[in-house]
Each structure stands twice: as structure tokens, then as C-alpha cells.
């Protein structure tokens, strides 16, 4: 998945809350998450669907229940991209600082 898709999924504060609650355990159903969050099971499912489309969450059926799990790879890829971007900006700002500090 793309970095833009991950950012889009993480842009919503409630979605981040769902992701954090899910990350606190190996797997959970939408019902289990709804019991601890201030939103309905239907809203949890909608947010999980968006997180799933972005690649941040996977699901598997266990009997009659669907369990959701956090997928860390898209987060790691996004963090790596952000780190690379920060490094580029650090280099550019250091060059700008050197240029600004040079006597004319």
C-alpha cells in the first residue's frame, strides 16, 4: 500500500483510536473493540474496513467470529519514508545554515 493510503487511514482520530486498541492485543473482534471504545460496533467495523483497505489491518475468520490484527509492515514502511524525508530536510537545512553563516 502507498504512504498516502496509510496517511489517509490514520488521518481520522477515531480510526487511530481503533488501531491503538487493536494493537494492544494479538487479535480482537469488532465486538470486543466496541466494548472498550466510545463508538458502536458498526462504526468500529467501518473504521476497520478503511484500515483493512490501507493494509494496516488484516482479518481472519475463526469459527463464527472475525478477528482483526494489526499489520505492522505498512507502518514500518511509512516510518522509513518519513525518516528518509527528515534526513533530506536535515541535509538541506544544514546546507542553508552554512550558506547563511558565510561572510559576504
C-alpha atoms as a PDB file:
ATOM      1  CA  UNK A   1       0.000   0.000   0.000  1.00  0.00           C
ATOM      2  CA  UNK A   2       1.087   3.549  -0.561  1.00  0.00           C
ATOM      3  CA  UNK A   3       2.167   6.039   2.060  1.00  0.00           C
ATOM      4  CA  UNK A   4      -0.762   8.254   1.022  1.00  0.00           C
ATOM      5  CA  UNK A   5      -3.216   5.430   1.743  1.00  0.00           C
ATOM      6  CA  UNK A   6      -1.703   4.900   5.194  1.00  0.00           C
ATOM      7  CA  UNK A   7      -1.826   8.635   5.955  1.00  0.00           C
ATOM      8  CA  UNK A   8      -5.426   8.756   4.749  1.00  0.00           C
ATOM      9  CA  UNK A   9      -6.369   5.925   7.073  1.00  0.00           C
ATOM     10  CA  UNK A  10      -4.540   7.486  10.016  1.00  0.00           C
ATOM     11  CA  UNK A  11      -5.981  10.965   9.425  1.00  0.00           C
ATOM     12  CA  UNK A  12      -9.125  10.184  11.400  1.00  0.00           C
ATOM     13  CA  UNK A  13      -8.618  10.355  15.207  1.00  0.00           C
ATOM     14  CA  UNK A  14     -11.276   7.710  15.866  1.00  0.00           C
ATOM     15  CA  UNK A  15      -9.588   5.368  13.410  1.00  0.00           C
ATOM     16  CA  UNK A  16      -6.298   5.872  15.245  1.00  0.00           C
ATOM     17  CA  UNK A  17      -8.101   5.027  18.478  1.00  0.00           C
ATOM     18  CA  UNK A  18      -9.416   1.790  16.945  1.00  0.00           C
ATOM     19  CA  UNK A  19      -5.924   0.932  15.675  1.00  0.00           C
ATOM     20  CA  UNK A  20      -4.372   1.615  19.104  1.00  0.00           C
ATOM     21  CA  UNK A  21      -6.974  -0.553  20.849  1.00  0.00           C
ATOM     22  CA  UNK A  22      -6.357  -3.349  18.359  1.00  0.00           C
ATOM     23  CA  UNK A  23      -2.574  -3.034  18.668  1.00  0.00           C
ATOM     24  CA  UNK A  24      -2.831  -3.646  22.430  1.00  0.00           C
ATOM     25  CA  UNK A  25      -3.632  -7.330  21.794  1.00  0.00           C
ATOM     26  CA  UNK A  26      -2.736 -10.063  19.319  1.00  0.00           C
ATOM     27  CA  UNK A  27      -6.229 -10.021  17.724  1.00  0.00           C
ATOM     28  CA  UNK A  28      -9.769  -8.870  18.512  1.00  0.00           C
ATOM     29  CA  UNK A  29     -13.271  -8.932  17.134  1.00  0.00           C
ATOM     30  CA  UNK A  30     -15.189  -5.767  16.322  1.00  0.00           C
ATOM     31  CA  UNK A  31     -17.498  -6.537  19.252  1.00  0.00           C
ATOM     32  CA  UNK A  32     -14.588  -6.758  21.682  1.00  0.00           C
ATOM     33  CA  UNK A  33     -13.190  -3.457  20.427  1.00  0.00           C
ATOM     34  CA  UNK A  34     -16.600  -1.755  20.615  1.00  0.00           C
ATOM     35  CA  UNK A  35     -16.916  -2.725  24.278  1.00  0.00           C
ATOM     36  CA  UNK A  36     -13.909  -0.606  25.162  1.00  0.00           C
ATOM     37  CA  UNK A  37     -14.326   2.244  22.675  1.00  0.00           C
ATOM     38  CA  UNK A  38     -16.852   5.093  22.740  1.00  0.00           C
ATOM     39  CA  UNK A  39     -18.331   4.054  19.368  1.00  0.00           C
ATOM     40  CA  UNK A  40     -20.752   1.393  18.188  1.00  0.00           C
ATOM     41  CA  UNK A  41     -19.772  -1.972  16.736  1.00  0.00           C
ATOM     42  CA  UNK A  42     -20.958  -0.788  13.310  1.00  0.00           C
ATOM     43  CA  UNK A  43     -18.656   2.230  13.478  1.00  0.00           C
ATOM     44  CA  UNK A  44     -15.780   0.006  14.605  1.00  0.00           C
ATOM     45  CA  UNK A  45     -16.427  -2.204  11.559  1.00  0.00           C
ATOM     46  CA  UNK A  46     -16.431   0.824   9.219  1.00  0.00           C
ATOM     47  CA  UNK A  47     -13.125   2.032  10.626  1.00  0.00           C
ATOM     48  CA  UNK A  48     -11.656  -1.473  10.456  1.00  0.00           C
ATOM     49  CA  UNK A  49     -12.707  -1.665   6.791  1.00  0.00           C
ATOM     50  CA  UNK A  50     -10.770   1.527   5.988  1.00  0.00           C
ATOM     51  CA  UNK A  51      -7.781   0.277   7.996  1.00  0.00           C
ATOM     52  CA  UNK A  52      -8.000  -3.009   6.100  1.00  0.00           C
ATOM     53  CA  UNK A  53      -8.091  -1.253   2.714  1.00  0.00           C
ATOM     54  CA  UNK A  54      -4.958   0.655   3.681  1.00  0.00           C
ATOM     55  CA  UNK A  55      -3.188  -2.577   4.637  1.00  0.00           C
ATOM     56  CA  UNK A  56      -2.883  -1.629   8.307  1.00  0.00           C
ATOM     57  CA  UNK A  57      -5.263  -4.373   9.494  1.00  0.00           C
ATOM     58  CA  UNK A  58      -5.906  -7.931   8.376  1.00  0.00           C
ATOM     59  CA  UNK A  59      -8.803 -10.184   9.281  1.00  0.00           C
ATOM     60  CA  UNK A  60      -9.403 -13.896   9.579  1.00  0.00           C
ATOM     61  CA  UNK A  61     -12.462 -15.961  10.358  1.00  0.00           C
ATOM     62  CA  UNK A  62     -12.247 -18.192  13.434  1.00  0.00           C
ATOM     63  CA  UNK A  63     -15.466 -20.148  13.677  1.00  0.00           C
ATOM     64  CA  UNK A  64     -18.326 -17.646  13.610  1.00  0.00           C
ATOM     65  CA  UNK A  65     -16.102 -14.746  14.616  1.00  0.00           C
ATOM     66  CA  UNK A  66     -13.951 -12.445  12.500  1.00  0.00           C
ATOM     67  CA  UNK A  67     -10.730 -11.471  14.248  1.00  0.00           C
ATOM     68  CA  UNK A  68      -8.698  -8.446  13.251  1.00  0.00           C
ATOM     69  CA  UNK A  69      -4.943  -7.958  13.648  1.00  0.00           C
ATOM     70  CA  UNK A  70      -2.631  -5.005  13.122  1.00  0.00           C
ATOM     71  CA  UNK A  71      -0.196  -5.373  10.236  1.00  0.00           C
ATOM     72  CA  UNK A  72       2.993  -3.552  11.129  1.00  0.00           C
ATOM     73  CA  UNK A  73       4.644  -3.592   7.677  1.00  0.00           C
ATOM     74  CA  UNK A  74       2.749  -0.574   6.252  1.00  0.00           C
ATOM     75  CA  UNK A  75       3.511   1.428   9.399  1.00  0.00           C
ATOM     76  CA  UNK A  76       7.185   0.463   9.193  1.00  0.00           C
ATOM     77  CA  UNK A  77       7.331   1.462   5.507  1.00  0.00           C
ATOM     78  CA  UNK A  78       5.685   4.801   6.287  1.00  0.00           C
ATOM     79  CA  UNK A  79       8.055   5.422   9.202  1.00  0.00           C
ATOM     80  CA  UNK A  80      11.021   4.600   6.957  1.00  0.00           C
ATOM     81  CA  UNK A  81       9.768   7.043   4.320  1.00  0.00           C
ATOM     82  CA  UNK A  82       9.299   9.767   6.951  1.00  0.00           C
ATOM     83  CA  UNK A  83      12.785   9.122   8.318  1.00  0.00           C
ATOM     84  CA  UNK A  84      14.262   9.442   4.834  1.00  0.00           C
ATOM     85  CA  UNK A  85      12.349  12.655   4.251  1.00  0.00           C
ATOM     86  CA  UNK A  86      13.529  14.060   7.587  1.00  0.00           C
ATOM     87  CA  UNK A  87      17.117  13.195   6.698  1.00  0.00           C
ATOM     88  CA  UNK A  88      16.815  15.027   3.374  1.00  0.00           C
ATOM     89  CA  UNK A  89      15.421  18.101   5.112  1.00  0.00           C
ATOM     90  CA  UNK A  90      18.193  17.983   7.737  1.00  0.00           C
ATOM     91  CA  UNK A  91      20.789  17.998   4.940  1.00  0.00           C
ATOM     92  CA  UNK A  92      19.075  20.865   3.135  1.00  0.00           C
ATOM     93  CA  UNK A  93      18.762  22.929   6.308  1.00  0.00           C
ATOM     94  CA  UNK A  94      22.413  22.289   7.214  1.00  0.00           C
ATOM     95  CA  UNK A  95      23.486  23.493   3.748  1.00  0.00           C
ATOM     96  CA  UNK A  96      21.263  26.558   4.089  1.00  0.00           C
ATOM     97  CA  UNK A  97      22.735  27.302   7.511  1.00  0.00           C
ATOM     98  CA  UNK A  98      26.285  27.103   6.133  1.00  0.00           C
ATOM     99  CA  UNK A  99      25.361  29.416   3.280  1.00  0.00           C
ATOM    100  CA  UNK A 100      23.694  31.908   5.633  1.00  0.00           C
ATOM    101  CA  UNK A 101      26.660  31.949   8.030  1.00  0.00           C
ATOM    102  CA  UNK A 102      29.263  32.612   5.314  1.00  0.00           C
ATOM    103  CA  UNK A 103      30.548  36.171   5.253  1.00  0.00           C
ATOM    104  CA  UNK A 104      29.844  38.050   2.037  1.00  0.00           C
END
